Amino acid sequence: MFRILALALFAAPTAALAQAADPAGSGPVVAAVGWLQGTLLGNVATAVAVMAVAAVGFMMLTGRLNWRFGATVILGTFILFGAASIVAGIQQAAGA
């Protein structure tokens, strides 16, 4: 009985304590990653992604592009811009 209880406590999902705060000296790295995220998901990137999806869709409709490759490009764009929502959903489902 004690072994089962110990195993249940060991396997229970909990937040990692190391992830509670940024490590010392990581301020410039966090700022750089934040800038990169803002650049990749900003207004210019959104406009470029819309034009790319439109071009891929037009090429798929005219038969100049393989449907599988075109679907991969469009799906990748949705995953890129929906990454924050996807991660939030996974964290909510995990109970974090």
PDB file of N, CA and C in Angstrom:
ATOM      1  N   MET A   1       0.815  -1.186   0.000  1.00  0.00           N
ATOM      2  CA  MET A   1       0.000   0.000   0.000  1.00  0.00           C
ATOM      3  C   MET A   1       0.867   1.262   0.000  1.00  0.00           C
ATOM      4  N   PHE A   2       1.927   1.244   0.814  1.00  0.00           N
ATOM      5  CA  PHE A   2       2.820   2.394   0.879  1.00  0.00           C
ATOM      6  C   PHE A   2       3.510   2.632  -0.466  1.00  0.00           C
ATOM      7  N   ARG A   3       3.874   1.554  -1.158  1.00  0.00           N
ATOM      8  CA  ARG A   3       4.535   1.681  -2.459  1.00  0.00           C
ATOM      9  C   ARG A   3       3.621   2.331  -3.482  1.00  0.00           C
ATOM     10  N   ILE A   4       2.350   1.967  -3.461  1.00  0.00           N
ATOM     11  CA  ILE A   4       1.402   2.554  -4.412  1.00  0.00           C
ATOM     12  C   ILE A   4       1.222   4.042  -4.128  1.00  0.00           C
ATOM     13  N   LEU A   5       1.118   4.403  -2.857  1.00  0.00           N
ATOM     14  CA  LEU A   5       0.983   5.804  -2.477  1.00  0.00           C
ATOM     15  C   LEU A   5       2.227   6.605  -2.858  1.00  0.00           C
ATOM     16  N   ALA A   6       3.402   6.028  -2.622  1.00  0.00           N
ATOM     17  CA  ALA A   6       4.654   6.701  -2.985  1.00  0.00           C
ATOM     18  C   ALA A   6       4.755   6.865  -4.499  1.00  0.00           C
ATOM     19  N   LEU A   7       4.351   5.854  -5.252  1.00  0.00           N
ATOM     20  CA  LEU A   7       4.382   5.936  -6.707  1.00  0.00           C
ATOM     21  C   LEU A   7       3.401   6.989  -7.215  1.00  0.00           C
ATOM     22  N   ALA A   8       2.224   7.050  -6.601  1.00  0.00           N
ATOM     23  CA  ALA A   8       1.231   8.047  -7.001  1.00  0.00           C
ATOM     24  C   ALA A   8       1.733   9.459  -6.729  1.00  0.00           C
ATOM     25  N   LEU A   9       2.384   9.677  -5.592  1.00  0.00           N
ATOM     26  CA  LEU A   9       2.933  11.002  -5.288  1.00  0.00           C
ATOM     27  C   LEU A   9       4.089  11.362  -6.207  1.00  0.00           C
ATOM     28  N   PHE A  10       4.883  10.373  -6.568  1.00  0.00           N
ATOM     29  CA  PHE A  10       6.014  10.610  -7.458  1.00  0.00           C
ATOM     30  C   PHE A  10       5.549  10.924  -8.879  1.00  0.00           C
ATOM     31  N   ALA A  11       4.489  10.267  -9.331  1.00  0.00           N
ATOM     32  CA  ALA A  11       4.025  10.421 -10.703  1.00  0.00           C
ATOM     33  C   ALA A  11       3.032  11.564 -10.871  1.00  0.00           C
ATOM     34  N   ALA A  12       2.606  12.196  -9.785  1.00  0.00           N
ATOM     35  CA  ALA A  12       1.633  13.287  -9.878  1.00  0.00           C
ATOM     36  C   ALA A  12       2.262  14.477 -10.587  1.00  0.00           C
ATOM     37  N   PRO A  13       1.531  15.090 -11.548  1.00  0.00           N
ATOM     38  CA  PRO A  13       2.083  16.239 -12.260  1.00  0.00           C
ATOM     39  C   PRO A  13       2.150  17.466 -11.366  1.00  0.00           C
ATOM     40  N   THR A  14       3.314  18.073 -11.299  1.00  0.00           N
ATOM     41  CA  THR A  14       3.506  19.302 -10.528  1.00  0.00           C
ATOM     42  C   THR A  14       4.348  20.257 -11.361  1.00  0.00           C
ATOM     43  N   ALA A  15       4.307  21.521 -11.023  1.00  0.00           N
ATOM     44  CA  ALA A  15       5.110  22.512 -11.725  1.00  0.00           C
ATOM     45  C   ALA A  15       6.571  22.361 -11.319  1.00  0.00           C
ATOM     46  N   ALA A  16       7.441  22.486 -12.303  1.00  0.00           N
ATOM     47  CA  ALA A  16       8.870  22.405 -12.014  1.00  0.00           C
ATOM     48  C   ALA A  16       9.313  23.692 -11.334  1.00  0.00           C
ATOM     49  N   LEU A  17      10.037  23.576 -10.255  1.00  0.00           N
ATOM     50  CA  LEU A  17      10.462  24.747  -9.507  1.00  0.00           C
ATOM     51  C   LEU A  17      11.485  25.573 -10.268  1.00  0.00           C
ATOM     52  N   ALA A  18      12.258  24.942 -11.154  1.00  0.00           N
ATOM     53  CA  ALA A  18      13.261  25.673 -11.912  1.00  0.00           C
ATOM     54  C   ALA A  18      12.623  26.590 -12.948  1.00  0.00           C
ATOM     55  N   GLN A  19      11.369  26.351 -13.296  1.00  0.00           N
ATOM     56  CA  GLN A  19      10.709  27.168 -14.302  1.00  0.00           C
ATOM     57  C   GLN A  19       9.933  28.329 -13.700  1.00  0.00           C
ATOM     58  N   ALA A  20      10.020  28.512 -12.408  1.00  0.00           N
ATOM     59  CA  ALA A  20       9.246  29.555 -11.742  1.00  0.00           C
ATOM     60  C   ALA A  20       9.735  30.951 -12.116  1.00  0.00           C
ATOM     61  N   ALA A  21      11.014  31.138 -12.344  1.00  0.00           N
ATOM     62  CA  ALA A  21      11.558  32.451 -12.671  1.00  0.00           C
ATOM     63  C   ALA A  21      12.703  32.281 -13.666  1.00  0.00           C
ATOM     64  N   ASP A  22      13.061  33.385 -14.279  1.00  0.00           N
ATOM     65  CA  ASP A  22      14.183  33.348 -15.217  1.00  0.00           C
ATOM     66  C   ASP A  22      15.487  33.208 -14.445  1.00  0.00           C
ATOM     67  N   PRO A  23      16.436  32.430 -14.971  1.00  0.00           N
ATOM     68  CA  PRO A  23      17.719  32.297 -14.280  1.00  0.00           C
ATOM     69  C   PRO A  23      18.492  33.615 -14.283  1.00  0.00           C
ATOM     70  N   ALA A  24      19.412  33.736 -13.373  1.00  0.00           N
ATOM     71  CA  ALA A  24      20.220  34.949 -13.266  1.00  0.00           C
ATOM     72  C   ALA A  24      21.034  35.155 -14.539  1.00  0.00           C
ATOM     73  N   GLY A  25      21.067  36.373 -15.037  1.00  0.00           N
ATOM     74  CA  GLY A  25      21.845  36.700 -16.223  1.00  0.00           C
ATOM     75  C   GLY A  25      21.141  36.411 -17.528  1.00  0.00           C
ATOM     76  N   SER A  26      19.880  36.023 -17.482  1.00  0.00           N
ATOM     77  CA  SER A  26      19.191  35.685 -18.720  1.00  0.00           C
ATOM     78  C   SER A  26      18.376  36.851 -19.264  1.00  0.00           C
ATOM     79  N   GLY A  27      18.482  38.015 -18.659  1.00  0.00           N
ATOM     80  CA  GLY A  27      17.715  39.178 -19.098  1.00  0.00           C
ATOM     81  C   GLY A  27      17.919  39.532 -20.561  1.00  0.00           C
ATOM     82  N   PRO A  28      19.164  39.649 -21.052  1.00  0.00           N
ATOM     83  CA  PRO A  28      19.366  39.966 -22.461  1.00  0.00           C
ATOM     84  C   PRO A  28      18.848  38.871 -23.403  1.00  0.00           C
ATOM     85  N   VAL A  29      18.972  37.626 -22.979  1.00  0.00           N
ATOM     86  CA  VAL A  29      18.494  36.528 -23.822  1.00  0.00           C
ATOM     87  C   VAL A  29      16.974  36.554 -23.914  1.00  0.00           C
ATOM     88  N   VAL A  30      16.307  36.775 -22.787  1.00  0.00           N
ATOM     89  CA  VAL A  30      14.854  36.846 -22.782  1.00  0.00           C
ATOM     90  C   VAL A  30      14.381  38.032 -23.607  1.00  0.00           C
ATOM     91  N   ALA A  31      15.076  39.164 -23.497  1.00  0.00           N
ATOM     92  CA  ALA A  31      14.713  40.345 -24.290  1.00  0.00           C
ATOM     93  C   ALA A  31      14.897  40.075 -25.780  1.00  0.00           C
ATOM     94  N   ALA A  32      15.979  39.390 -26.152  1.00  0.00           N
ATOM     95  CA  ALA A  32      16.223  39.087 -27.563  1.00  0.00           C
ATOM     96  C   ALA A  32      15.174  38.130 -28.112  1.00  0.00           C
ATOM     97  N   VAL A  33      14.795  37.136 -27.326  1.00  0.00           N
ATOM     98  CA  VAL A  33      13.765  36.197 -27.774  1.00  0.00           C
ATOM     99  C   VAL A  33      12.416  36.903 -27.881  1.00  0.00           C
ATOM    100  N   GLY A  34      12.134  37.805 -26.963  1.00  0.00           N
ATOM    101  CA  GLY A  34      10.904  38.588 -27.049  1.00  0.00           C
ATOM    102  C   GLY A  34      10.866  39.461 -28.289  1.00  0.00           C
ATOM    103  N   TRP A  35      12.002  40.088 -28.612  1.00  0.00           N
ATOM    104  CA  TRP A  35      12.077  40.893 -29.830  1.00  0.00           C
ATOM    105  C   TRP A  35      11.879  40.021 -31.065  1.00  0.00           C
ATOM    106  N   LEU A  36      12.508  38.848 -31.081  1.00  0.00           N
ATOM    107  CA  LEU A  36      12.371  37.937 -32.213  1.00  0.00           C
ATOM    108  C   LEU A  36      10.923  37.480 -32.370  1.00  0.00           C
ATOM    109  N   GLN A  37      10.266  37.182 -31.270  1.00  0.00           N
ATOM    110  CA  GLN A  37       8.863  36.777 -31.325  1.00  0.00           C
ATOM    111  C   GLN A  37       7.998  37.920 -31.848  1.00  0.00           C
ATOM    112  N   GLY A  38       8.234  39.121 -31.374  1.00  0.00           N
ATOM    113  CA  GLY A  38       7.477  40.274 -31.862  1.00  0.00           C
ATOM    114  C   GLY A  38       7.687  40.526 -33.338  1.00  0.00           C
ATOM    115  N   THR A  39       8.917  40.312 -33.802  1.00  0.00           N
ATOM    116  CA  THR A  39       9.211  40.501 -35.221  1.00  0.00           C
ATOM    117  C   THR A  39       8.550  39.418 -36.071  1.00  0.00           C
ATOM    118  N   LEU A  40       8.648  38.174 -35.618  1.00  0.00           N
ATOM    119  CA  LEU A  40       8.102  37.072 -36.408  1.00  0.00           C
ATOM    120  C   LEU A  40       6.579  37.047 -36.412  1.00  0.00           C
ATOM    121  N   LEU A  41       5.945  37.583 -35.378  1.00  0.00           N
ATOM    122  CA  LEU A  41       4.493  37.545 -35.296  1.00  0.00           C
ATOM    123  C   LEU A  41       3.864  38.929 -35.425  1.00  0.00           C
ATOM    124  N   GLY A  42       4.631  39.915 -35.864  1.00  0.00           N
ATOM    125  CA  GLY A  42       4.131  41.281 -35.979  1.00  0.00           C
ATOM    126  C   GLY A  42       3.299  41.502 -37.231  1.00  0.00           C
ATOM    127  N   ASN A  43       3.012  42.775 -37.494  1.00  0.00           N
ATOM    128  CA  ASN A  43       2.159  43.144 -38.622  1.00  0.00           C
ATOM    129  C   ASN A  43       2.782  42.807 -39.964  1.00  0.00           C
ATOM    130  N   VAL A  44       4.081  43.042 -40.100  1.00  0.00           N
ATOM    131  CA  VAL A  44       4.748  42.758 -41.377  1.00  0.00           C
ATOM    132  C   VAL A  44       4.737  41.256 -41.651  1.00  0.00           C
ATOM    133  N   ALA A  45       5.045  40.468 -40.630  1.00  0.00           N
ATOM    134  CA  ALA A  45       5.054  39.013 -40.817  1.00  0.00           C
ATOM    135  C   ALA A  45       3.662  38.490 -41.137  1.00  0.00           C
ATOM    136  N   THR A  46       2.648  39.075 -40.514  1.00  0.00           N
ATOM    137  CA  THR A  46       1.276  38.653 -40.802  1.00  0.00           C
ATOM    138  C   THR A  46       0.910  38.962 -42.250  1.00  0.00           C
ATOM    139  N   ALA A  47       1.293  40.133 -42.727  1.00  0.00           N
ATOM    140  CA  ALA A  47       1.005  40.485 -44.118  1.00  0.00           C
ATOM    141  C   ALA A  47       1.743  39.573 -45.086  1.00  0.00           C
ATOM    142  N   VAL A  48       2.999  39.264 -44.789  1.00  0.00           N
ATOM    143  CA  VAL A  48       3.768  38.364 -45.655  1.00  0.00           C
ATOM    144  C   VAL A  48       3.160  36.965 -45.648  1.00  0.00           C
ATOM    145  N   ALA A  49       2.716  36.500 -44.494  1.00  0.00           N
ATOM    146  CA  ALA A  49       2.107  35.175 -44.412  1.00  0.00           C
ATOM    147  C   ALA A  49       0.800  35.118 -45.189  1.00  0.00           C
ATOM    148  N   VAL A  50       0.007  36.173 -45.125  1.00  0.00           N
ATOM    149  CA  VAL A  50      -1.247  36.206 -45.890  1.00  0.00           C
ATOM    150  C   VAL A  50      -0.957  36.157 -47.386  1.00  0.00           C
ATOM    151  N   MET A  51       0.040  36.914 -47.828  1.00  0.00           N
ATOM    152  CA  MET A  51       0.392  36.887 -49.254  1.00  0.00           C
ATOM    153  C   MET A  51       0.940  35.524 -49.665  1.00  0.00           C
ATOM    154  N   ALA A  52       1.720  34.890 -48.782  1.00  0.00           N
ATOM    155  CA  ALA A  52       2.276  33.572 -49.100  1.00  0.00           C
ATOM    156  C   ALA A  52       1.175  32.524 -49.206  1.00  0.00           C
ATOM    157  N   VAL A  53       0.221  32.548 -48.290  1.00  0.00           N
ATOM    158  CA  VAL A  53      -0.886  31.590 -48.349  1.00  0.00           C
ATOM    159  C   VAL A  53      -1.734  31.837 -49.591  1.00  0.00           C
ATOM    160  N   ALA A  54      -1.939  33.104 -49.940  1.00  0.00           N
ATOM    161  CA  ALA A  54      -2.696  33.414 -51.149  1.00  0.00           C
ATOM    162  C   ALA A  54      -1.960  32.920 -52.394  1.00  0.00           C
ATOM    163  N   ALA A  55      -0.653  33.119 -52.446  1.00  0.00           N
ATOM    164  CA  ALA A  55       0.125  32.667 -53.602  1.00  0.00           C
ATOM    165  C   ALA A  55       0.124  31.146 -53.696  1.00  0.00           C
ATOM    166  N   VAL A  56       0.304  30.472 -52.565  1.00  0.00           N
ATOM    167  CA  VAL A  56       0.295  29.002 -52.565  1.00  0.00           C
ATOM    168  C   VAL A  56      -1.081  28.487 -52.983  1.00  0.00           C
ATOM    169  N   GLY A  57      -2.143  29.114 -52.479  1.00  0.00           N
ATOM    170  CA  GLY A  57      -3.492  28.708 -52.867  1.00  0.00           C
ATOM    171  C   GLY A  57      -3.744  28.901 -54.340  1.00  0.00           C
ATOM    172  N   PHE A  58      -3.289  30.023 -54.895  1.00  0.00           N
ATOM    173  CA  PHE A  58      -3.467  30.260 -56.328  1.00  0.00           C
ATOM    174  C   PHE A  58      -2.682  29.245 -57.152  1.00  0.00           C
ATOM    175  N   MET A  59      -1.450  28.949 -56.734  1.00  0.00           N
ATOM    176  CA  MET A  59      -0.643  27.966 -57.456  1.00  0.00           C
ATOM    177  C   MET A  59      -1.265  26.572 -57.363  1.00  0.00           C
ATOM    178  N   MET A  60      -1.875  26.255 -56.218  1.00  0.00           N
ATOM    179  CA  MET A  60      -2.538  24.959 -56.090  1.00  0.00           C
ATOM    180  C   MET A  60      -3.765  24.887 -57.002  1.00  0.00           C
ATOM    181  N   LEU A  61      -4.514  25.975 -57.110  1.00  0.00           N
ATOM    182  CA  LEU A  61      -5.708  25.985 -57.956  1.00  0.00           C
ATOM    183  C   LEU A  61      -5.363  25.899 -59.438  1.00  0.00           C
ATOM    184  N   THR A  62      -4.230  26.465 -59.836  1.00  0.00           N
ATOM    185  CA  THR A  62      -3.842  26.417 -61.250  1.00  0.00           C
ATOM    186  C   THR A  62      -3.052  25.171 -61.597  1.00  0.00           C
ATOM    187  N   GLY A  63      -2.783  24.318 -60.614  1.00  0.00           N
ATOM    188  CA  GLY A  63      -2.084  23.057 -60.885  1.00  0.00           C
ATOM    189  C   GLY A  63      -0.582  23.181 -60.991  1.00  0.00           C
ATOM    190  N   ARG A  64      -0.023  24.248 -60.505  1.00  0.00           N
ATOM    191  CA  ARG A  64       1.431  24.450 -60.589  1.00  0.00           C
ATOM    192  C   ARG A  64       2.158  24.014 -59.327  1.00  0.00           C
ATOM    193  N   LEU A  65       1.417  23.580 -58.322  1.00  0.00           N
ATOM    194  CA  LEU A  65       2.022  23.200 -57.059  1.00  0.00           C
ATOM    195  C   LEU A  65       1.358  21.924 -56.563  1.00  0.00           C
ATOM    196  N   ASN A  66       2.175  21.040 -56.012  1.00  0.00           N
ATOM    197  CA  ASN A  66       1.671  19.803 -55.448  1.00  0.00           C
ATOM    198  C   ASN A  66       0.745  20.121 -54.275  1.00  0.00           C
ATOM    199  N   TRP A  67      -0.407  19.466 -54.222  1.00  0.00           N
ATOM    200  CA  TRP A  67      -1.378  19.725 -53.172  1.00  0.00           C
ATOM    201  C   TRP A  67      -0.820  19.416 -51.793  1.00  0.00           C
ATOM    202  N   ARG A  68      -0.027  18.368 -51.674  1.00  0.00           N
ATOM    203  CA  ARG A  68       0.532  17.997 -50.374  1.00  0.00           C
ATOM    204  C   ARG A  68       1.472  19.083 -49.864  1.00  0.00           C
ATOM    205  N   PHE A  69       2.340  19.603 -50.734  1.00  0.00           N
ATOM    206  CA  PHE A  69       3.260  20.666 -50.322  1.00  0.00           C
ATOM    207  C   PHE A  69       2.491  21.936 -49.977  1.00  0.00           C
ATOM    208  N   GLY A  70       1.494  22.260 -50.756  1.00  0.00           N
ATOM    209  CA  GLY A  70       0.687  23.446 -50.476  1.00  0.00           C
ATOM    210  C   GLY A  70      -0.047  23.348 -49.152  1.00  0.00           C
ATOM    211  N   ALA A  71      -0.608  22.180 -48.872  1.00  0.00           N
ATOM    212  CA  ALA A  71      -1.299  21.985 -47.598  1.00  0.00           C
ATOM    213  C   ALA A  71      -0.317  22.060 -46.433  1.00  0.00           C
ATOM    214  N   THR A  72       0.898  21.571 -46.641  1.00  0.00           N
ATOM    215  CA  THR A  72       1.919  21.640 -45.597  1.00  0.00           C
ATOM    216  C   THR A  72       2.285  23.090 -45.289  1.00  0.00           C
ATOM    217  N   VAL A  73       2.419  23.917 -46.313  1.00  0.00           N
ATOM    218  CA  VAL A  73       2.749  25.332 -46.109  1.00  0.00           C
ATOM    219  C   VAL A  73       1.630  26.038 -45.353  1.00  0.00           C
ATOM    220  N   ILE A  74       0.406  25.796 -45.752  1.00  0.00           N
ATOM    221  CA  ILE A  74      -0.722  26.459 -45.107  1.00  0.00           C
ATOM    222  C   ILE A  74      -0.885  25.970 -43.667  1.00  0.00           C
ATOM    223  N   LEU A  75      -0.756  24.677 -43.435  1.00  0.00           N
ATOM    224  CA  LEU A  75      -0.851  24.135 -42.084  1.00  0.00           C
ATOM    225  C   LEU A  75       0.275  24.681 -41.196  1.00  0.00           C
ATOM    226  N   GLY A  76       1.479  24.787 -41.749  1.00  0.00           N
ATOM    227  CA  GLY A  76       2.600  25.346 -40.987  1.00  0.00           C
ATOM    228  C   GLY A  76       2.363  26.788 -40.586  1.00  0.00           C
ATOM    229  N   THR A  77       1.733  27.558 -41.467  1.00  0.00           N
ATOM    230  CA  THR A  77       1.422  28.951 -41.139  1.00  0.00           C
ATOM    231  C   THR A  77       0.416  29.025 -39.992  1.00  0.00           C
ATOM    232  N   PHE A  78      -0.602  28.175 -40.049  1.00  0.00           N
ATOM    233  CA  PHE A  78      -1.581  28.163 -38.962  1.00  0.00           C
ATOM    234  C   PHE A  78      -0.939  27.738 -37.643  1.00  0.00           C
ATOM    235  N   ILE A  79      -0.043  26.782 -37.688  1.00  0.00           N
ATOM    236  CA  ILE A  79       0.630  26.344 -36.459  1.00  0.00           C
ATOM    237  C   ILE A  79       1.539  27.455 -35.921  1.00  0.00           C
ATOM    238  N   LEU A  80       2.244  28.150 -36.809  1.00  0.00           N
ATOM    239  CA  LEU A  80       3.134  29.228 -36.379  1.00  0.00           C
ATOM    240  C   LEU A  80       2.364  30.330 -35.662  1.00  0.00           C
ATOM    241  N   PHE A  81       1.270  30.784 -36.259  1.00  0.00           N
ATOM    242  CA  PHE A  81       0.533  31.886 -35.656  1.00  0.00           C
ATOM    243  C   PHE A  81      -0.392  31.426 -34.533  1.00  0.00           C
ATOM    244  N   GLY A  82      -0.691  30.149 -34.459  1.00  0.00           N
ATOM    245  CA  GLY A  82      -1.537  29.639 -33.397  1.00  0.00           C
ATOM    246  C   GLY A  82      -0.768  28.970 -32.280  1.00  0.00           C
ATOM    247  N   ALA A  83       0.553  29.087 -32.297  1.00  0.00           N
ATOM    248  CA  ALA A  83       1.386  28.385 -31.318  1.00  0.00           C
ATOM    249  C   ALA A  83       1.050  28.785 -29.883  1.00  0.00           C
ATOM    250  N   ALA A  84       0.817  30.060 -29.638  1.00  0.00           N
ATOM    251  CA  ALA A  84       0.509  30.508 -28.277  1.00  0.00           C
ATOM    252  C   ALA A  84      -0.799  29.887 -27.790  1.00  0.00           C
ATOM    253  N   SER A  85      -1.794  29.839 -28.653  1.00  0.00           N
ATOM    254  CA  SER A  85      -3.075  29.238 -28.274  1.00  0.00           C
ATOM    255  C   SER A  85      -2.947  27.734 -28.078  1.00  0.00           C
ATOM    256  N   ILE A  86      -2.139  27.095 -28.910  1.00  0.00           N
ATOM    257  CA  ILE A  86      -1.936  25.650 -28.794  1.00  0.00           C
ATOM    258  C   ILE A  86      -1.261  25.323 -27.471  1.00  0.00           C
ATOM    259  N   VAL A  87      -0.222  26.064 -27.131  1.00  0.00           N
ATOM    260  CA  VAL A  87       0.492  25.822 -25.863  1.00  0.00           C
ATOM    261  C   VAL A  87      -0.420  26.104 -24.676  1.00  0.00           C
ATOM    262  N   ALA A  88      -1.207  27.164 -24.733  1.00  0.00           N
ATOM    263  CA  ALA A  88      -2.128  27.474 -23.644  1.00  0.00           C
ATOM    264  C   ALA A  88      -3.160  26.364 -23.467  1.00  0.00           C
ATOM    265  N   GLY A  89      -3.640  25.808 -24.564  1.00  0.00           N
ATOM    266  CA  GLY A  89      -4.587  24.702 -24.481  1.00  0.00           C
ATOM    267  C   GLY A  89      -3.975  23.457 -23.886  1.00  0.00           C
ATOM    268  N   ILE A  90      -2.725  23.165 -24.261  1.00  0.00           N
ATOM    269  CA  ILE A  90      -2.042  21.998 -23.710  1.00  0.00           C
ATOM    270  C   ILE A  90      -1.789  22.185 -22.220  1.00  0.00           C
ATOM    271  N   GLN A  91      -1.383  23.385 -21.818  1.00  0.00           N
ATOM    272  CA  GLN A  91      -1.153  23.650 -20.398  1.00  0.00           C
ATOM    273  C   GLN A  91      -2.444  23.566 -19.602  1.00  0.00           C
ATOM    274  N   GLN A  92      -3.542  24.042 -20.160  1.00  0.00           N
ATOM    275  CA  GLN A  92      -4.815  23.960 -19.468  1.00  0.00           C
ATOM    276  C   GLN A  92      -5.271  22.515 -19.341  1.00  0.00           C
ATOM    277  N   ALA A  93      -5.059  21.719 -20.397  1.00  0.00           N
ATOM    278  CA  ALA A  93      -5.443  20.321 -20.350  1.00  0.00           C
ATOM    279  C   ALA A  93      -4.578  19.541 -19.343  1.00  0.00           C
ATOM    280  N   ALA A  94      -3.313  19.960 -19.195  1.00  0.00           N
ATOM    281  CA  ALA A  94      -2.420  19.290 -18.250  1.00  0.00           C
ATOM    282  C   ALA A  94      -2.653  19.739 -16.812  1.00  0.00           C
ATOM    283  N   GLY A  95      -3.438  20.790 -16.656  1.00  0.00           N
ATOM    284  CA  GLY A  95      -3.736  21.262 -15.306  1.00  0.00           C
ATOM    285  C   GLY A  95      -2.664  22.155 -14.710  1.00  0.00           C
ATOM    286  N   ALA A  96      -1.832  22.738 -15.553  1.00  0.00           N
ATOM    287  CA  ALA A  96      -0.757  23.597 -15.052  1.00  0.00           C
ATOM    288  C   ALA A  96      -1.250  24.973 -14.711  1.00  0.00           C
TER     289      ALA A  96
END
